[in-house]
């Protein structure tokens, strides 16, 4: 993934409602959710939801498919993983990235004293 695509994705997520929608879509998994359900859960007007979904789709973060008379939106997990991969590429200079060792590199050498 190139830097411009990552910037576009992060810019799309840098808004309260779009971030909330994206999180709901990630939780819903591949089944996705309709725009109406998303609008209800976020508490925005359907026209606003359409705008937010268009921004997320333009950034490549969501996919849409027709299911009967509804359009179902789902997170594009490949794109999400690519963004995360770009952000964490060469993470920690090759050192372990576990929460403990990332902040306290010598913690493995310490022993609990009773």
PDB file of N, CA and C in Angstrom:
ATOM      1  N   UNK A   1       0.858  -1.178   0.000  1.00  0.00           N
ATOM      2  CA  UNK A   1       0.000   0.000   0.000  1.00  0.00           C
ATOM      3  C   UNK A   1       0.894   1.227   0.000  1.00  0.00           C
ATOM      4  N   UNK A   2       0.507   2.223  -0.774  1.00  0.00           N
ATOM      5  CA  UNK A   2       1.330   3.437  -0.861  1.00  0.00           C
ATOM      6  C   UNK A   2       0.853   4.481   0.148  1.00  0.00           C
ATOM      7  N   UNK A   3       1.699   5.454   0.404  1.00  0.00           N
ATOM      8  CA  UNK A   3       1.431   6.480   1.413  1.00  0.00           C
ATOM      9  C   UNK A   3       0.150   7.252   1.106  1.00  0.00           C
ATOM     10  N   UNK A   4      -0.117   7.571  -0.160  1.00  0.00           N
ATOM     11  CA  UNK A   4      -1.311   8.337  -0.497  1.00  0.00           C
ATOM     12  C   UNK A   4      -2.590   7.579  -0.147  1.00  0.00           C
ATOM     13  N   UNK A   5      -2.609   6.279  -0.365  1.00  0.00           N
ATOM     14  CA  UNK A   5      -3.781   5.471  -0.018  1.00  0.00           C
ATOM     15  C   UNK A   5      -3.985   5.424   1.490  1.00  0.00           C
ATOM     16  N   UNK A   6      -2.907   5.323   2.235  1.00  0.00           N
ATOM     17  CA  UNK A   6      -3.001   5.307   3.692  1.00  0.00           C
ATOM     18  C   UNK A   6      -3.508   6.651   4.198  1.00  0.00           C
ATOM     19  N   UNK A   7      -2.997   7.731   3.644  1.00  0.00           N
ATOM     20  CA  UNK A   7      -3.438   9.069   4.042  1.00  0.00           C
ATOM     21  C   UNK A   7      -4.927   9.237   3.758  1.00  0.00           C
ATOM     22  N   UNK A   8      -5.379   8.774   2.619  1.00  0.00           N
ATOM     23  CA  UNK A   8      -6.790   8.862   2.247  1.00  0.00           C
ATOM     24  C   UNK A   8      -7.657   8.063   3.232  1.00  0.00           C
ATOM     25  N   UNK A   9      -7.216   6.878   3.585  1.00  0.00           N
ATOM     26  CA  UNK A   9      -7.962   6.039   4.529  1.00  0.00           C
ATOM     27  C   UNK A   9      -8.011   6.682   5.915  1.00  0.00           C
ATOM     28  N   UNK A  10      -6.877   7.157   6.388  1.00  0.00           N
ATOM     29  CA  UNK A  10      -6.841   7.769   7.713  1.00  0.00           C
ATOM     30  C   UNK A  10      -7.651   9.063   7.744  1.00  0.00           C
ATOM     31  N   UNK A  11      -7.627   9.831   6.653  1.00  0.00           N
ATOM     32  CA  UNK A  11      -8.423  11.058   6.585  1.00  0.00           C
ATOM     33  C   UNK A  11      -9.909  10.738   6.647  1.00  0.00           C
ATOM     34  N   UNK A  12     -10.320   9.660   5.995  1.00  0.00           N
ATOM     35  CA  UNK A  12     -11.728   9.272   6.027  1.00  0.00           C
ATOM     36  C   UNK A  12     -12.151   8.870   7.438  1.00  0.00           C
ATOM     37  N   UNK A  13     -11.263   8.273   8.190  1.00  0.00           N
ATOM     38  CA  UNK A  13     -11.576   7.832   9.549  1.00  0.00           C
ATOM     39  C   UNK A  13     -11.442   8.947  10.589  1.00  0.00           C
ATOM     40  N   UNK A  14     -10.899  10.085  10.174  1.00  0.00           N
ATOM     41  CA  UNK A  14     -10.644  11.185  11.103  1.00  0.00           C
ATOM     42  C   UNK A  14     -11.878  12.063  11.289  1.00  0.00           C
ATOM     43  N   UNK A  15     -13.013  11.420  11.475  1.00  0.00           N
ATOM     44  CA  UNK A  15     -14.281  12.105  11.712  1.00  0.00           C
ATOM     45  C   UNK A  15     -15.105  11.198  12.609  1.00  0.00           C
ATOM     46  N   UNK A  16     -15.732  11.766  13.603  1.00  0.00           N
ATOM     47  CA  UNK A  16     -16.409  10.993  14.654  1.00  0.00           C
ATOM     48  C   UNK A  16     -17.415   9.973  14.117  1.00  0.00           C
ATOM     49  N   UNK A  17     -18.316  10.389  13.244  1.00  0.00           N
ATOM     50  CA  UNK A  17     -19.347   9.482  12.751  1.00  0.00           C
ATOM     51  C   UNK A  17     -18.779   8.399  11.839  1.00  0.00           C
ATOM     52  N   UNK A  18     -17.837   8.774  10.981  1.00  0.00           N
ATOM     53  CA  UNK A  18     -17.237   7.774  10.089  1.00  0.00           C
ATOM     54  C   UNK A  18     -16.443   6.741  10.875  1.00  0.00           C
ATOM     55  N   UNK A  19     -15.736   7.172  11.883  1.00  0.00           N
ATOM     56  CA  UNK A  19     -14.995   6.228  12.719  1.00  0.00           C
ATOM     57  C   UNK A  19     -15.959   5.279  13.429  1.00  0.00           C
ATOM     58  N   UNK A  20     -17.046   5.820  13.958  1.00  0.00           N
ATOM     59  CA  UNK A  20     -18.043   4.983  14.631  1.00  0.00           C
ATOM     60  C   UNK A  20     -18.669   3.989  13.658  1.00  0.00           C
ATOM     61  N   UNK A  21     -18.993   4.433  12.449  1.00  0.00           N
ATOM     62  CA  UNK A  21     -19.570   3.549  11.427  1.00  0.00           C
ATOM     63  C   UNK A  21     -18.579   2.448  11.078  1.00  0.00           C
ATOM     64  N   UNK A  22     -17.334   2.817  10.867  1.00  0.00           N
ATOM     65  CA  UNK A  22     -16.334   1.831  10.492  1.00  0.00           C
ATOM     66  C   UNK A  22     -16.170   0.781  11.596  1.00  0.00           C
ATOM     67  N   UNK A  23     -16.165   1.221  12.834  1.00  0.00           N
ATOM     68  CA  UNK A  23     -16.043   0.277  13.950  1.00  0.00           C
ATOM     69  C   UNK A  23     -17.233  -0.679  13.985  1.00  0.00           C
ATOM     70  N   UNK A  24     -18.434  -0.162  13.723  1.00  0.00           N
ATOM     71  CA  UNK A  24     -19.613  -1.031  13.668  1.00  0.00           C
ATOM     72  C   UNK A  24     -19.499  -2.048  12.535  1.00  0.00           C
ATOM     73  N   UNK A  25     -18.990  -1.593  11.387  1.00  0.00           N
ATOM     74  CA  UNK A  25     -18.838  -2.508  10.258  1.00  0.00           C
ATOM     75  C   UNK A  25     -17.789  -3.575  10.536  1.00  0.00           C
ATOM     76  N   UNK A  26     -16.729  -3.213  11.222  1.00  0.00           N
ATOM     77  CA  UNK A  26     -15.712  -4.206  11.595  1.00  0.00           C
ATOM     78  C   UNK A  26     -16.330  -5.224  12.548  1.00  0.00           C
ATOM     79  N   UNK A  27     -17.126  -4.761  13.500  1.00  0.00           N
ATOM     80  CA  UNK A  27     -17.781  -5.668  14.443  1.00  0.00           C
ATOM     81  C   UNK A  27     -18.779  -6.579  13.736  1.00  0.00           C
ATOM     82  N   UNK A  28     -19.463  -6.058  12.715  1.00  0.00           N
ATOM     83  CA  UNK A  28     -20.470  -6.846  11.994  1.00  0.00           C
ATOM     84  C   UNK A  28     -19.844  -7.941  11.149  1.00  0.00           C
ATOM     85  N   UNK A  29     -18.587  -7.777  10.800  1.00  0.00           N
ATOM     86  CA  UNK A  29     -17.906  -8.782   9.987  1.00  0.00           C
ATOM     87  C   UNK A  29     -18.362  -8.743   8.541  1.00  0.00           C
ATOM     88  N   UNK A  30     -18.100  -9.822   7.807  1.00  0.00           N
ATOM     89  CA  UNK A  30     -18.411  -9.857   6.370  1.00  0.00           C
ATOM     90  C   UNK A  30     -19.893  -9.708   6.049  1.00  0.00           C
ATOM     91  N   UNK A  31     -20.777 -10.012   6.997  1.00  0.00           N
ATOM     92  CA  UNK A  31     -22.210  -9.874   6.752  1.00  0.00           C
ATOM     93  C   UNK A  31     -22.596  -8.421   6.526  1.00  0.00           C
ATOM     94  N   UNK A  32     -21.923  -7.498   7.207  1.00  0.00           N
ATOM     95  CA  UNK A  32     -22.172  -6.081   7.037  1.00  0.00           C
ATOM     96  C   UNK A  32     -23.496  -5.618   7.617  1.00  0.00           C
ATOM     97  N   UNK A  33     -23.830  -4.362   7.345  1.00  0.00           N
ATOM     98  CA  UNK A  33     -25.046  -3.731   7.837  1.00  0.00           C
ATOM     99  C   UNK A  33     -25.593  -2.791   6.774  1.00  0.00           C
ATOM    100  N   UNK A  34     -26.877  -2.553   6.816  1.00  0.00           N
ATOM    101  CA  UNK A  34     -27.484  -1.605   5.882  1.00  0.00           C
ATOM    102  C   UNK A  34     -27.240  -0.181   6.358  1.00  0.00           C
ATOM    103  N   UNK A  35     -27.374   0.758   5.442  1.00  0.00           N
ATOM    104  CA  UNK A  35     -27.193   2.173   5.781  1.00  0.00           C
ATOM    105  C   UNK A  35     -28.216   2.608   6.820  1.00  0.00           C
ATOM    106  N   UNK A  36     -29.436   2.092   6.729  1.00  0.00           N
ATOM    107  CA  UNK A  36     -30.473   2.454   7.688  1.00  0.00           C
ATOM    108  C   UNK A  36     -30.132   2.012   9.096  1.00  0.00           C
ATOM    109  N   UNK A  37     -29.647   0.808   9.240  1.00  0.00           N
ATOM    110  CA  UNK A  37     -29.251   0.310  10.563  1.00  0.00           C
ATOM    111  C   UNK A  37     -28.084   1.124  11.097  1.00  0.00           C
ATOM    112  N   UNK A  38     -27.122   1.415  10.245  1.00  0.00           N
ATOM    113  CA  UNK A  38     -25.974   2.224  10.671  1.00  0.00           C
ATOM    114  C   UNK A  38     -26.430   3.604  11.124  1.00  0.00           C
ATOM    115  N   UNK A  39     -27.323   4.236  10.362  1.00  0.00           N
ATOM    116  CA  UNK A  39     -27.828   5.567  10.716  1.00  0.00           C
ATOM    117  C   UNK A  39     -28.528   5.530  12.070  1.00  0.00           C
ATOM    118  N   UNK A  40     -29.345   4.494  12.297  1.00  0.00           N
ATOM    119  CA  UNK A  40     -30.034   4.364  13.586  1.00  0.00           C
ATOM    120  C   UNK A  40     -29.051   4.195  14.739  1.00  0.00           C
ATOM    121  N   UNK A  41     -28.075   3.348  14.548  1.00  0.00           N
ATOM    122  CA  UNK A  41     -27.122   3.070  15.637  1.00  0.00           C
ATOM    123  C   UNK A  41     -26.235   4.271  15.954  1.00  0.00           C
ATOM    124  N   UNK A  42     -25.886   5.031  14.927  1.00  0.00           N
ATOM    125  CA  UNK A  42     -25.020   6.199  15.142  1.00  0.00           C
ATOM    126  C   UNK A  42     -25.843   7.420  15.553  1.00  0.00           C
ATOM    127  N   UNK A  43     -27.106   7.428  15.148  1.00  0.00           N
ATOM    128  CA  UNK A  43     -27.965   8.558  15.482  1.00  0.00           C
ATOM    129  C   UNK A  43     -27.821   9.731  14.534  1.00  0.00           C
ATOM    130  N   UNK A  44     -27.681   9.433  13.244  1.00  0.00           N
ATOM    131  CA  UNK A  44     -27.597  10.497  12.237  1.00  0.00           C
ATOM    132  C   UNK A  44     -28.695  10.288  11.194  1.00  0.00           C
ATOM    133  N   UNK A  45     -28.986  11.336  10.473  1.00  0.00           N
ATOM    134  CA  UNK A  45     -29.990  11.272   9.412  1.00  0.00           C
ATOM    135  C   UNK A  45     -29.489  10.363   8.291  1.00  0.00           C
ATOM    136  N   UNK A  46     -30.406   9.680   7.600  1.00  0.00           N
ATOM    137  CA  UNK A  46     -30.001   8.811   6.488  1.00  0.00           C
ATOM    138  C   UNK A  46     -29.178   9.530   5.409  1.00  0.00           C
ATOM    139  N   UNK A  47     -29.502  10.786   5.134  1.00  0.00           N
ATOM    140  CA  UNK A  47     -28.722  11.517   4.127  1.00  0.00           C
ATOM    141  C   UNK A  47     -27.287  11.747   4.593  1.00  0.00           C
ATOM    142  N   UNK A  48     -27.106  12.015   5.876  1.00  0.00           N
ATOM    143  CA  UNK A  48     -25.752  12.159   6.424  1.00  0.00           C
ATOM    144  C   UNK A  48     -25.012  10.838   6.371  1.00  0.00           C
ATOM    145  N   UNK A  49     -25.723   9.740   6.658  1.00  0.00           N
ATOM    146  CA  UNK A  49     -25.088   8.424   6.621  1.00  0.00           C
ATOM    147  C   UNK A  49     -24.611   8.115   5.213  1.00  0.00           C
ATOM    148  N   UNK A  50     -25.402   8.441   4.218  1.00  0.00           N
ATOM    149  CA  UNK A  50     -24.998   8.214   2.827  1.00  0.00           C
ATOM    150  C   UNK A  50     -23.709   8.958   2.509  1.00  0.00           C
ATOM    151  N   UNK A  51     -23.601  10.196   2.981  1.00  0.00           N
ATOM    152  CA  UNK A  51     -22.388  10.979   2.765  1.00  0.00           C
ATOM    153  C   UNK A  51     -21.188  10.315   3.434  1.00  0.00           C
ATOM    154  N   UNK A  52     -21.353   9.887   4.678  1.00  0.00           N
ATOM    155  CA  UNK A  52     -20.243   9.271   5.401  1.00  0.00           C
ATOM    156  C   UNK A  52     -19.822   7.944   4.758  1.00  0.00           C
ATOM    157  N   UNK A  53     -20.793   7.150   4.345  1.00  0.00           N
ATOM    158  CA  UNK A  53     -20.475   5.880   3.685  1.00  0.00           C
ATOM    159  C   UNK A  53     -19.767   6.109   2.354  1.00  0.00           C
ATOM    160  N   UNK A  54     -20.163   7.151   1.644  1.00  0.00           N
ATOM    161  CA  UNK A  54     -19.487   7.474   0.381  1.00  0.00           C
ATOM    162  C   UNK A  54     -18.031   7.854   0.625  1.00  0.00           C
ATOM    163  N   UNK A  55     -17.777   8.575   1.705  1.00  0.00           N
ATOM    164  CA  UNK A  55     -16.398   8.948   2.035  1.00  0.00           C
ATOM    165  C   UNK A  55     -15.565   7.715   2.378  1.00  0.00           C
ATOM    166  N   UNK A  56     -16.141   6.805   3.132  1.00  0.00           N
ATOM    167  CA  UNK A  56     -15.428   5.580   3.494  1.00  0.00           C
ATOM    168  C   UNK A  56     -15.201   4.701   2.261  1.00  0.00           C
ATOM    169  N   UNK A  57     -16.193   4.632   1.382  1.00  0.00           N
ATOM    170  CA  UNK A  57     -16.044   3.845   0.154  1.00  0.00           C
ATOM    171  C   UNK A  57     -15.005   4.462  -0.764  1.00  0.00           C
ATOM    172  N   UNK A  58     -14.994   5.784  -0.864  1.00  0.00           N
ATOM    173  CA  UNK A  58     -14.014   6.485  -1.698  1.00  0.00           C
ATOM    174  C   UNK A  58     -12.590   6.228  -1.210  1.00  0.00           C
ATOM    175  N   UNK A  59     -12.440   6.047   0.080  1.00  0.00           N
ATOM    176  CA  UNK A  59     -11.122   5.753   0.655  1.00  0.00           C
ATOM    177  C   UNK A  59     -10.788   4.265   0.554  1.00  0.00           C
ATOM    178  N   UNK A  60     -11.729   3.462   0.057  1.00  0.00           N
ATOM    179  CA  UNK A  60     -11.481   2.032  -0.104  1.00  0.00           C
ATOM    180  C   UNK A  60     -11.695   1.214   1.153  1.00  0.00           C
ATOM    181  N   UNK A  61     -12.257   1.816   2.187  1.00  0.00           N
ATOM    182  CA  UNK A  61     -12.398   1.124   3.468  1.00  0.00           C
ATOM    183  C   UNK A  61     -13.633   0.246   3.558  1.00  0.00           C
ATOM    184  N   UNK A  62     -14.656   0.543   2.752  1.00  0.00           N
ATOM    185  CA  UNK A  62     -15.884  -0.251   2.800  1.00  0.00           C
ATOM    186  C   UNK A  62     -16.261  -0.733   1.408  1.00  0.00           C
ATOM    187  N   UNK A  63     -16.974  -1.843   1.402  1.00  0.00           N
ATOM    188  CA  UNK A  63     -17.522  -2.410   0.170  1.00  0.00           C
ATOM    189  C   UNK A  63     -19.041  -2.371   0.298  1.00  0.00           C
ATOM    190  N   UNK A  64     -19.711  -2.409  -0.826  1.00  0.00           N
ATOM    191  CA  UNK A  64     -21.167  -2.450  -0.790  1.00  0.00           C
ATOM    192  C   UNK A  64     -21.676  -3.508  -1.745  1.00  0.00           C
ATOM    193  N   UNK A  65     -22.819  -4.083  -1.378  1.00  0.00           N
ATOM    194  CA  UNK A  65     -23.462  -5.075  -2.231  1.00  0.00           C
ATOM    195  C   UNK A  65     -24.966  -4.939  -2.081  1.00  0.00           C
ATOM    196  N   UNK A  66     -25.659  -5.272  -3.129  1.00  0.00           N
ATOM    197  CA  UNK A  66     -27.114  -5.214  -3.093  1.00  0.00           C
ATOM    198  C   UNK A  66     -27.646  -6.526  -2.534  1.00  0.00           C
ATOM    199  N   UNK A  67     -28.578  -6.395  -1.611  1.00  0.00           N
ATOM    200  CA  UNK A  67     -29.246  -7.556  -1.033  1.00  0.00           C
ATOM    201  C   UNK A  67     -30.736  -7.219  -1.042  1.00  0.00           C
ATOM    202  N   UNK A  68     -31.443  -7.796  -1.987  1.00  0.00           N
ATOM    203  CA  UNK A  68     -32.852  -7.487  -2.189  1.00  0.00           C
ATOM    204  C   UNK A  68     -32.979  -5.998  -2.526  1.00  0.00           C
ATOM    205  N   UNK A  69     -33.695  -5.240  -1.709  1.00  0.00           N
ATOM    206  CA  UNK A  69     -33.842  -3.803  -1.985  1.00  0.00           C
ATOM    207  C   UNK A  69     -32.882  -2.953  -1.167  1.00  0.00           C
ATOM    208  N   UNK A  70     -32.039  -3.572  -0.396  1.00  0.00           N
ATOM    209  CA  UNK A  70     -31.107  -2.840   0.462  1.00  0.00           C
ATOM    210  C   UNK A  70     -29.690  -2.908  -0.086  1.00  0.00           C
ATOM    211  N   UNK A  71     -28.912  -1.923   0.276  1.00  0.00           N
ATOM    212  CA  UNK A  71     -27.474  -1.962   0.013  1.00  0.00           C
ATOM    213  C   UNK A  71     -26.814  -2.254   1.353  1.00  0.00           C
ATOM    214  N   UNK A  72     -26.013  -3.294   1.365  1.00  0.00           N
ATOM    215  CA  UNK A  72     -25.320  -3.714   2.578  1.00  0.00           C
ATOM    216  C   UNK A  72     -23.866  -3.271   2.482  1.00  0.00           C
ATOM    217  N   UNK A  73     -23.394  -2.646   3.529  1.00  0.00           N
ATOM    218  CA  UNK A  73     -22.013  -2.168   3.601  1.00  0.00           C
ATOM    219  C   UNK A  73     -21.224  -3.070   4.534  1.00  0.00           C
ATOM    220  N   UNK A  74     -19.992  -3.320   4.167  1.00  0.00           N
ATOM    221  CA  UNK A  74     -19.108  -4.103   5.028  1.00  0.00           C
ATOM    222  C   UNK A  74     -17.699  -3.533   4.931  1.00  0.00           C
ATOM    223  N   UNK A  75     -16.948  -3.742   5.987  1.00  0.00           N
ATOM    224  CA  UNK A  75     -15.556  -3.282   6.006  1.00  0.00           C
ATOM    225  C   UNK A  75     -14.748  -4.122   5.028  1.00  0.00           C
ATOM    226  N   UNK A  76     -13.843  -3.484   4.322  1.00  0.00           N
ATOM    227  CA  UNK A  76     -12.911  -4.208   3.458  1.00  0.00           C
ATOM    228  C   UNK A  76     -11.702  -4.558   4.314  1.00  0.00           C
ATOM    229  N   UNK A  77     -11.699  -5.779   4.816  1.00  0.00           N
ATOM    230  CA  UNK A  77     -10.664  -6.191   5.761  1.00  0.00           C
ATOM    231  C   UNK A  77      -9.277  -6.255   5.124  1.00  0.00           C
ATOM    232  N   UNK A  78      -9.204  -6.513   3.819  1.00  0.00           N
ATOM    233  CA  UNK A  78      -7.902  -6.511   3.154  1.00  0.00           C
ATOM    234  C   UNK A  78      -7.284  -5.115   3.186  1.00  0.00           C
ATOM    235  N   UNK A  79      -8.106  -4.096   2.939  1.00  0.00           N
ATOM    236  CA  UNK A  79      -7.606  -2.719   2.983  1.00  0.00           C
ATOM    237  C   UNK A  79      -7.234  -2.347   4.415  1.00  0.00           C
ATOM    238  N   UNK A  80      -8.092  -2.719   5.371  1.00  0.00           N
ATOM    239  CA  UNK A  80      -7.793  -2.426   6.770  1.00  0.00           C
ATOM    240  C   UNK A  80      -6.453  -3.052   7.170  1.00  0.00           C
ATOM    241  N   UNK A  81      -6.241  -4.296   6.776  1.00  0.00           N
ATOM    242  CA  UNK A  81      -4.983  -4.966   7.104  1.00  0.00           C
ATOM    243  C   UNK A  81      -3.797  -4.329   6.395  1.00  0.00           C
ATOM    244  N   UNK A  82      -4.012  -3.834   5.185  1.00  0.00           N
ATOM    245  CA  UNK A  82      -2.933  -3.155   4.464  1.00  0.00           C
ATOM    246  C   UNK A  82      -2.553  -1.853   5.150  1.00  0.00           C
ATOM    247  N   UNK A  83      -3.558  -1.112   5.617  1.00  0.00           N
ATOM    248  CA  UNK A  83      -3.278   0.136   6.338  1.00  0.00           C
ATOM    249  C   UNK A  83      -2.505  -0.174   7.613  1.00  0.00           C
ATOM    250  N   UNK A  84      -2.965  -1.174   8.362  1.00  0.00           N
ATOM    251  CA  UNK A  84      -2.271  -1.542   9.599  1.00  0.00           C
ATOM    252  C   UNK A  84      -0.856  -2.030   9.298  1.00  0.00           C
ATOM    253  N   UNK A  85      -0.703  -2.790   8.227  1.00  0.00           N
ATOM    254  CA  UNK A  85       0.622  -3.260   7.839  1.00  0.00           C
ATOM    255  C   UNK A  85       1.549  -2.112   7.493  1.00  0.00           C
ATOM    256  N   UNK A  86       1.023  -1.128   6.786  1.00  0.00           N
ATOM    257  CA  UNK A  86       1.830   0.044   6.432  1.00  0.00           C
ATOM    258  C   UNK A  86       2.262   0.781   7.695  1.00  0.00           C
ATOM    259  N   UNK A  87       1.338   0.944   8.634  1.00  0.00           N
ATOM    260  CA  UNK A  87       1.647   1.672   9.869  1.00  0.00           C
ATOM    261  C   UNK A  87       2.632   0.938  10.757  1.00  0.00           C
ATOM    262  N   UNK A  88       2.610  -0.383  10.714  1.00  0.00           N
ATOM    263  CA  UNK A  88       3.464  -1.151  11.623  1.00  0.00           C
ATOM    264  C   UNK A  88       4.676  -1.772  10.939  1.00  0.00           C
ATOM    265  N   UNK A  89       4.856  -1.464   9.670  1.00  0.00           N
ATOM    266  CA  UNK A  89       6.016  -1.985   8.956  1.00  0.00           C
ATOM    267  C   UNK A  89       7.286  -1.555   9.681  1.00  0.00           C
ATOM    268  N   UNK A  90       8.160  -2.480   9.891  1.00  0.00           N
ATOM    269  CA  UNK A  90       9.430  -2.221  10.586  1.00  0.00           C
ATOM    270  C   UNK A  90       9.214  -1.723  12.013  1.00  0.00           C
ATOM    271  N   UNK A  91       8.142  -2.180  12.620  1.00  0.00           N
ATOM    272  CA  UNK A  91       7.781  -1.755  13.970  1.00  0.00           C
ATOM    273  C   UNK A  91       8.899  -2.058  14.963  1.00  0.00           C
ATOM    274  N   UNK A  92       9.136  -1.146  15.828  1.00  0.00           N
ATOM    275  CA  UNK A  92      10.055  -1.291  16.971  1.00  0.00           C
ATOM    276  C   UNK A  92      11.485  -1.642  16.560  1.00  0.00           C
ATOM    277  N   UNK A  93      11.858  -1.322  15.347  1.00  0.00           N
ATOM    278  CA  UNK A  93      13.227  -1.568  14.906  1.00  0.00           C
ATOM    279  C   UNK A  93      13.645  -3.011  14.998  1.00  0.00           C
ATOM    280  N   UNK A  94      12.686  -3.930  14.849  1.00  0.00           N
ATOM    281  CA  UNK A  94      13.002  -5.350  14.894  1.00  0.00           C
ATOM    282  C   UNK A  94      12.935  -5.963  16.275  1.00  0.00           C
ATOM    283  N   UNK A  95      12.677  -5.155  17.302  1.00  0.00           N
ATOM    284  CA  UNK A  95      12.547  -5.678  18.661  1.00  0.00           C
ATOM    285  C   UNK A  95      11.134  -6.186  18.888  1.00  0.00           C
ATOM    286  N   UNK A  96      10.939  -6.947  19.926  1.00  0.00           N
ATOM    287  CA  UNK A  96       9.616  -7.437  20.279  1.00  0.00           C
ATOM    288  C   UNK A  96       8.686  -6.264  20.535  1.00  0.00           C
ATOM    289  N   UNK A  97       7.447  -6.395  20.083  1.00  0.00           N
ATOM    290  CA  UNK A  97       6.482  -5.308  20.234  1.00  0.00           C
ATOM    291  C   UNK A  97       5.437  -5.597  21.296  1.00  0.00           C
ATOM    292  N   UNK A  98       5.701  -6.542  22.189  1.00  0.00           N
ATOM    293  CA  UNK A  98       4.723  -6.813  23.237  1.00  0.00           C
ATOM    294  C   UNK A  98       4.635  -5.589  24.130  1.00  0.00           C
ATOM    295  N   UNK A  99       3.467  -5.340  24.726  1.00  0.00           N
ATOM    296  CA  UNK A  99       3.294  -4.123  25.530  1.00  0.00           C
ATOM    297  C   UNK A  99       4.315  -3.969  26.642  1.00  0.00           C
ATOM    298  N   UNK A 100       4.658  -5.040  27.310  1.00  0.00           N
ATOM    299  CA  UNK A 100       5.614  -4.948  28.416  1.00  0.00           C
ATOM    300  C   UNK A 100       7.010  -4.626  27.902  1.00  0.00           C
ATOM    301  N   UNK A 101       7.482  -5.391  26.930  1.00  0.00           N
ATOM    302  CA  UNK A 101       8.862  -5.197  26.483  1.00  0.00           C
ATOM    303  C   UNK A 101       9.026  -3.947  25.635  1.00  0.00           C
ATOM    304  N   UNK A 102       7.949  -3.460  25.039  1.00  0.00           N
ATOM    305  CA  UNK A 102       8.068  -2.244  24.244  1.00  0.00           C
ATOM    306  C   UNK A 102       8.394  -1.049  25.129  1.00  0.00           C
ATOM    307  N   UNK A 103       7.836  -1.046  26.342  1.00  0.00           N
ATOM    308  CA  UNK A 103       8.064   0.081  27.235  1.00  0.00           C
ATOM    309  C   UNK A 103       9.124  -0.190  28.293  1.00  0.00           C
ATOM    310  N   UNK A 104       9.326  -1.467  28.608  1.00  0.00           N
ATOM    311  CA  UNK A 104      10.293  -1.847  29.624  1.00  0.00           C
ATOM    312  C   UNK A 104      11.155  -2.981  29.076  1.00  0.00           C
ATOM    313  N   UNK A 105      12.126  -2.673  28.226  1.00  0.00           N
ATOM    314  CA  UNK A 105      12.891  -3.717  27.548  1.00  0.00           C
ATOM    315  C   UNK A 105      13.594  -4.703  28.471  1.00  0.00           C
ATOM    316  N   UNK A 106      13.912  -4.324  29.696  1.00  0.00           N
ATOM    317  CA  UNK A 106      14.641  -5.208  30.586  1.00  0.00           C
ATOM    318  C   UNK A 106      13.733  -5.999  31.522  1.00  0.00           C
ATOM    319  N   UNK A 107      12.402  -5.956  31.303  1.00  0.00           N
ATOM    320  CA  UNK A 107      11.488  -6.607  32.210  1.00  0.00           C
ATOM    321  C   UNK A 107      11.677  -8.116  32.239  1.00  0.00           C
ATOM    322  N   UNK A 108      12.113  -8.722  31.148  1.00  0.00           N
ATOM    323  CA  UNK A 108      12.304 -10.164  31.125  1.00  0.00           C
ATOM    324  C   UNK A 108      13.459 -10.585  32.042  1.00  0.00           C
ATOM    325  N   UNK A 109      14.339  -9.663  32.366  1.00  0.00           N
ATOM    326  CA  UNK A 109      15.465  -9.985  33.222  1.00  0.00           C
ATOM    327  C   UNK A 109      15.122  -9.868  34.712  1.00  0.00           C
ATOM    328  N   UNK A 110      13.974  -9.264  35.013  1.00  0.00           N
ATOM    329  CA  UNK A 110      13.598  -9.045  36.403  1.00  0.00           C
ATOM    330  C   UNK A 110      12.826 -10.244  36.911  1.00  0.00           C
ATOM    331  N   UNK A 111      13.053 -10.589  38.145  1.00  0.00           N
ATOM    332  CA  UNK A 111      12.334 -11.693  38.781  1.00  0.00           C
ATOM    333  C   UNK A 111      11.534 -11.118  39.948  1.00  0.00           C
ATOM    334  N   UNK A 112      10.346 -11.696  40.132  1.00  0.00           N
ATOM    335  CA  UNK A 112       9.496 -11.254  41.234  1.00  0.00           C
ATOM    336  C   UNK A 112      10.119 -11.701  42.552  1.00  0.00           C
ATOM    337  N   UNK A 113      10.232 -10.787  43.489  1.00  0.00           N
ATOM    338  CA  UNK A 113      10.795 -11.082  44.795  1.00  0.00           C
ATOM    339  C   UNK A 113       9.651 -11.174  45.784  1.00  0.00           C
ATOM    340  N   UNK A 114       9.567 -12.306  46.498  1.00  0.00           N
ATOM    341  CA  UNK A 114       8.469 -12.502  47.460  1.00  0.00           C
ATOM    342  C   UNK A 114       8.838 -11.974  48.819  1.00  0.00           C
TER     343      UNK A 114
END
